C-alpha atoms as a PDB file:
ATOM      1  CA  MET A   1     -50.450  75.678  17.584  1.00  0.00           C
ATOM      2  CA  PRO A   2     -52.744  78.561  16.792  1.00  0.00           C
ATOM      3  CA  ALA A   3     -56.204  78.562  18.351  1.00  0.00           C
ATOM      4  CA  LEU A   4     -58.670  79.154  15.470  1.00  0.00           C
ATOM      5  CA  TYR A   5     -62.453  79.044  15.746  1.00  0.00           C
ATOM      6  CA  GLN A   6     -65.125  78.297  13.238  1.00  0.00           C
ATOM      7  CA  THR A   7     -67.177  81.039  14.833  1.00  0.00           C
ATOM      8  CA  ASP A   8     -64.672  83.731  13.897  1.00  0.00           C
ATOM      9  CA  PRO A   9     -66.538  86.688  12.234  1.00  0.00           C
ATOM     10  CA  ASP A  10     -64.102  86.533   9.238  1.00  0.00           C
ATOM     11  CA  TRP A  11     -65.644  83.198   8.036  1.00  0.00           C
ATOM     12  CA  ALA A  12     -68.525  82.229  10.395  1.00  0.00           C
ATOM     13  CA  ASN A  13     -71.152  83.124   7.819  1.00  0.00           C
ATOM     14  CA  VAL A  14     -69.505  81.474   4.816  1.00  0.00           C
ATOM     15  CA  ARG A  15     -71.670  78.753   3.371  1.00  0.00           C
ATOM     16  CA  TYR A  16     -70.047  75.331   3.981  1.00  0.00           C
ATOM     17  CA  ALA A  17     -71.339  71.765   3.891  1.00  0.00           C
ATOM     18  CA  GLU A  18     -74.950  72.912   3.420  1.00  0.00           C
ATOM     19  CA  ASN A  19     -74.673  75.043   6.606  1.00  0.00           C
ATOM     20  CA  SER A  20     -72.951  78.107   7.871  1.00  0.00           C
ATOM     21  CA  PHE A  21     -69.253  77.714   8.567  1.00  0.00           C
ATOM     22  CA  SER A  22     -69.974  78.401  12.186  1.00  0.00           C
ATOM     23  CA  GLU A  23     -72.109  75.229  12.418  1.00  0.00           C
ATOM     24  CA  SER A  24     -70.085  72.923  10.110  1.00  0.00           C
ATOM     25  CA  GLY A  25     -66.593  74.261   9.799  1.00  0.00           C
ATOM     26  CA  CYS A  26     -64.788  72.307  12.404  1.00  0.00           C
ATOM     27  CA  GLY A  27     -62.895  69.976   9.933  1.00  0.00           C
ATOM     28  CA  PRO A  28     -61.366  72.792   7.910  1.00  0.00           C
ATOM     29  CA  THR A  29     -60.643  74.719  11.008  1.00  0.00           C
ATOM     30  CA  CYS A  30     -58.688  71.914  12.522  1.00  0.00           C
ATOM     31  CA  MET A  31     -56.827  71.333   9.277  1.00  0.00           C
ATOM     32  CA  ALA A  32     -55.944  75.012   9.189  1.00  0.00           C
ATOM     33  CA  MET A  33     -54.516  74.820  12.713  1.00  0.00           C
ATOM     34  CA  VAL A  34     -52.457  71.755  11.899  1.00  0.00           C
ATOM     35  CA  TYR A  35     -51.211  73.161   8.591  1.00  0.00           C
ATOM     36  CA  ALA A  36     -50.124  76.520  10.246  1.00  0.00           C
ATOM     37  CA  ALA A  37     -48.424  74.654  13.154  1.00  0.00           C
ATOM     38  CA  LEU A  38     -46.433  72.350  10.918  1.00  0.00           C
ATOM     39  CA  THR A  39     -45.603  74.625   7.967  1.00  0.00           C
ATOM     40  CA  GLY A  40     -45.444  78.005   9.662  1.00  0.00           C
ATOM     41  CA  ALA A  41     -47.556  79.285   6.824  1.00  0.00           C
ATOM     42  CA  THR A  42     -50.490  81.602   7.170  1.00  0.00           C
ATOM     43  CA  ASP A  43     -51.798  81.440   3.618  1.00  0.00           C
ATOM     44  CA  LYS A  44     -54.582  78.920   4.407  1.00  0.00           C
ATOM     45  CA  ASP A  45     -57.122  80.119   6.929  1.00  0.00           C
ATOM     46  CA  PRO A  46     -60.194  78.093   7.792  1.00  0.00           C
ATOM     47  CA  ALA A  47     -62.167  79.607   4.881  1.00  0.00           C
ATOM     48  CA  ALA A  48     -59.424  78.535   2.432  1.00  0.00           C
ATOM     49  CA  MET A  49     -59.513  75.053   3.907  1.00  0.00           C
ATOM     50  CA  ALA A  50     -63.279  75.000   3.490  1.00  0.00           C
ATOM     51  CA  ALA A  51     -62.871  75.849  -0.139  1.00  0.00           C
ATOM     52  CA  LEU A  52     -60.311  73.085  -0.554  1.00  0.00           C
ATOM     53  CA  ALA A  53     -62.699  70.605   1.047  1.00  0.00           C
ATOM     54  CA  THR A  54     -65.631  71.716  -1.054  1.00  0.00           C
ATOM     55  CA  ASP A  55     -63.601  71.679  -4.302  1.00  0.00           C
ATOM     56  CA  GLY A  56     -62.309  68.103  -3.437  1.00  0.00           C
ATOM     57  CA  GLY A  57     -65.769  66.822  -2.778  1.00  0.00           C
ATOM     58  CA  TYR A  58     -65.086  66.339   0.976  1.00  0.00           C
ATOM     59  CA  ALA A  59     -67.914  68.673   2.198  1.00  0.00           C
ATOM     60  CA  GLY A  60     -71.416  67.239   2.399  1.00  0.00           C
ATOM     61  CA  PRO A  61     -74.623  67.390   4.386  1.00  0.00           C
ATOM     62  CA  ASP A  62     -72.998  65.679   7.338  1.00  0.00           C
ATOM     63  CA  GLY A  63     -70.045  68.106   7.338  1.00  0.00           C
ATOM     64  CA  THR A  64     -66.489  67.236   6.440  1.00  0.00           C
ATOM     65  CA  ALA A  65     -65.764  63.688   5.182  1.00  0.00           C
ATOM     66  CA  TRP A  66     -62.996  61.734   6.931  1.00  0.00           C
ATOM     67  CA  LEU A  67     -61.118  61.510   3.570  1.00  0.00           C
ATOM     68  CA  PHE A  68     -60.329  65.166   3.814  1.00  0.00           C
ATOM     69  CA  MET A  69     -58.173  64.375   6.818  1.00  0.00           C
ATOM     70  CA  THR A  70     -55.959  62.160   4.675  1.00  0.00           C
ATOM     71  CA  GLU A  71     -56.366  63.118   0.989  1.00  0.00           C
ATOM     72  CA  GLY A  72     -56.901  66.793   1.723  1.00  0.00           C
ATOM     73  CA  ALA A  73     -53.841  66.739   3.968  1.00  0.00           C
ATOM     74  CA  ARG A  74     -51.691  65.327   1.186  1.00  0.00           C
ATOM     75  CA  ALA A  75     -52.855  68.095  -1.145  1.00  0.00           C
ATOM     76  CA  LEU A  76     -51.358  70.483   1.486  1.00  0.00           C
ATOM     77  CA  GLY A  77     -48.041  68.726   1.741  1.00  0.00           C
ATOM     78  CA  LEU A  78     -48.895  67.000   4.975  1.00  0.00           C
ATOM     79  CA  ASN A  79     -48.651  63.227   5.678  1.00  0.00           C
ATOM     80  CA  ALA A  80     -51.652  61.849   7.685  1.00  0.00           C
ATOM     81  CA  THR A  81     -51.351  58.591   9.592  1.00  0.00           C
ATOM     82  CA  GLU A  82     -54.344  56.853  11.294  1.00  0.00           C
ATOM     83  CA  VAL A  83     -53.541  56.533  15.001  1.00  0.00           C
ATOM     84  CA  PRO A  84     -54.896  53.623  17.192  1.00  0.00           C
ATOM     85  CA  ALA A  85     -57.179  54.999  19.863  1.00  0.00           C
ATOM     86  CA  ASP A  86     -54.957  54.326  22.817  1.00  0.00           C
ATOM     87  CA  GLU A  87     -52.996  56.294  25.317  1.00  0.00           C
ATOM     88  CA  GLN A  88     -49.531  54.869  24.212  1.00  0.00           C
ATOM     89  CA  SER A  89     -50.076  55.794  20.550  1.00  0.00           C
ATOM     90  CA  ILE A  90     -51.201  59.311  21.349  1.00  0.00           C
ATOM     91  CA  ARG A  91     -48.178  59.846  23.663  1.00  0.00           C
ATOM     92  CA  ARG A  92     -45.894  58.554  20.876  1.00  0.00           C
ATOM     93  CA  GLU A  93     -47.300  60.982  18.211  1.00  0.00           C
ATOM     94  CA  ILE A  94     -47.372  64.035  20.460  1.00  0.00           C
ATOM     95  CA  VAL A  95     -43.817  63.492  21.804  1.00  0.00           C
ATOM     96  CA  ALA A  96     -42.641  63.209  18.175  1.00  0.00           C
ATOM     97  CA  GLY A  97     -44.228  66.623  17.431  1.00  0.00           C
ATOM     98  CA  ARG A  98     -47.153  65.231  15.354  1.00  0.00           C
ATOM     99  CA  PRO A  99     -50.480  66.889  16.211  1.00  0.00           C
ATOM    100  CA  ILE A 100     -53.554  64.750  16.113  1.00  0.00           C
ATOM    101  CA  ILE A 101     -56.944  65.503  14.606  1.00  0.00           C
ATOM    102  CA  CYS A 102     -59.732  63.541  16.245  1.00  0.00           C
ATOM    103  CA  SER A 103     -63.264  62.837  14.986  1.00  0.00           C
ATOM    104  CA  MET A 104     -65.444  62.959  18.043  1.00  0.00           C
ATOM    105  CA  GLY A 105     -68.751  61.410  18.727  1.00  0.00           C
ATOM    106  CA  PRO A 106     -71.428  62.599  21.111  1.00  0.00           C
ATOM    107  CA  GLY A 107     -70.277  63.613  24.612  1.00  0.00           C
ATOM    108  CA  ASP A 108     -68.372  66.637  25.968  1.00  0.00           C
ATOM    109  CA  PHE A 109     -67.500  68.146  22.555  1.00  0.00           C
ATOM    110  CA  THR A 110     -70.654  67.506  20.493  1.00  0.00           C
ATOM    111  CA  THR A 111     -74.161  65.973  20.312  1.00  0.00           C
ATOM    112  CA  THR A 112     -73.531  64.582  16.852  1.00  0.00           C
ATOM    113  CA  GLY A 113     -69.994  64.743  15.423  1.00  0.00           C
ATOM    114  CA  HIS A 114     -67.079  67.129  15.619  1.00  0.00           C
ATOM    115  CA  PHE A 115     -63.352  67.444  15.005  1.00  0.00           C
ATOM    116  CA  ILE A 116     -60.789  68.710  17.581  1.00  0.00           C
ATOM    117  CA  VAL A 117     -56.917  68.791  17.609  1.00  0.00           C
ATOM    118  CA  ILE A 118     -54.730  67.246  20.369  1.00  0.00           C
ATOM    119  CA  THR A 119     -51.675  69.436  20.600  1.00  0.00           C
ATOM    120  CA  ASP A 120     -49.791  68.412  23.649  1.00  0.00           C
ATOM    121  CA  ILE A 121     -49.729  66.638  27.007  1.00  0.00           C
ATOM    122  CA  ASP A 122     -49.617  68.787  30.083  1.00  0.00           C
ATOM    123  CA  GLN A 123     -47.576  68.360  33.308  1.00  0.00           C
ATOM    124  CA  ASN A 124     -50.619  66.454  34.885  1.00  0.00           C
ATOM    125  CA  SER A 125     -50.657  63.997  32.010  1.00  0.00           C
ATOM    126  CA  ASN A 126     -53.815  65.476  30.528  1.00  0.00           C
ATOM    127  CA  LEU A 127     -54.423  66.252  26.829  1.00  0.00           C
ATOM    128  CA  VAL A 128     -54.241  69.785  25.598  1.00  0.00           C
ATOM    129  CA  VAL A 129     -56.724  70.298  22.809  1.00  0.00           C
ATOM    130  CA  ARG A 130     -57.916  73.020  20.387  1.00  0.00           C
ATOM    131  CA  ASP A 131     -61.678  72.869  20.047  1.00  0.00           C
ATOM    132  CA  PRO A 132     -62.553  74.945  16.935  1.00  0.00           C
ATOM    133  CA  ASN A 133     -66.017  75.551  18.385  1.00  0.00           C
ATOM    134  CA  SER A 134     -65.137  76.467  22.029  1.00  0.00           C
ATOM    135  CA  PRO A 135     -62.528  78.721  23.580  1.00  0.00           C
ATOM    136  CA  GLU A 136     -63.774  77.280  26.933  1.00  0.00           C
ATOM    137  CA  ARG A 137     -63.022  73.692  25.982  1.00  0.00           C
ATOM    138  CA  THR A 138     -59.754  74.763  24.415  1.00  0.00           C
ATOM    139  CA  ALA A 139     -58.746  76.460  27.701  1.00  0.00           C
ATOM    140  CA  LYS A 140     -59.006  73.278  29.824  1.00  0.00           C
ATOM    141  CA  SER A 141     -57.098  70.018  29.717  1.00  0.00           C
ATOM    142  CA  TRP A 142     -58.705  66.642  29.164  1.00  0.00           C
ATOM    143  CA  SER A 143     -58.066  63.164  30.482  1.00  0.00           C
ATOM    144  CA  PHE A 144     -57.067  60.524  28.065  1.00  0.00           C
ATOM    145  CA  ASP A 145     -60.173  58.497  29.125  1.00  0.00           C
ATOM    146  CA  THR A 146     -62.517  61.238  28.362  1.00  0.00           C
ATOM    147  CA  VAL A 147     -61.141  61.891  24.894  1.00  0.00           C
ATOM    148  CA  LEU A 148     -60.591  58.241  23.934  1.00  0.00           C
ATOM    149  CA  GLY A 149     -64.117  57.370  25.173  1.00  0.00           C
ATOM    150  CA  GLN A 150     -65.642  59.770  22.678  1.00  0.00           C
ATOM    151  CA  CYS A 151     -63.186  59.545  19.788  1.00  0.00           C
ATOM    152  CA  ARG A 152     -64.287  57.844  16.547  1.00  0.00           C
ATOM    153  CA  ALA A 153     -60.987  58.091  14.602  1.00  0.00           C
ATOM    154  CA  MET A 154     -57.568  59.859  14.912  1.00  0.00           C
ATOM    155  CA  TRP A 155     -54.962  60.962  12.403  1.00  0.00           C
ATOM    156  CA  SER A 156     -51.511  62.326  13.210  1.00  0.00           C
ATOM    157  CA  TYR A 157     -49.754  64.814  10.887  1.00  0.00           C
ATOM    158  CA  SER A 158     -46.261  65.533   9.665  1.00  0.00           C
ATOM    159  CA  LEU A 159     -44.669  67.244   6.706  1.00  0.00           C
ATOM    160  CA  ILE A 160     -44.284  65.084   3.619  1.00  0.00           C
END
């Protein structure tokens, strides 16, 4: 899974969801990572995902609407399935090769709302994540309890 960041100078200053992409671009950046990982394609970077979200009506003053995680995914040839917020469900999806986008509430990842991607489970049974707003948070692993305690919703992805 590529590590992409909403603060990348190539798109950080693009206007998105009534802010700069560096402030509000976590949803499209997560979708770009999942899309690249599952398809192997590099034609849709975070800026292209932001345009897709905007054109589809999924970008608003609060950032990216949750419907982008399902309807937007379908437009990209991805199947999105809502995942129950429990350890067994996460393990099942990750073992099957289906990355998970999580909508996070206040805590370690955000003070308001944020999207991250769960990509793997490490040898210590911790979650490996891609945080599109933090190379530091991407570089460490996270306990199931920490992530699940802050997660609002989760979707796993596979090719249609």
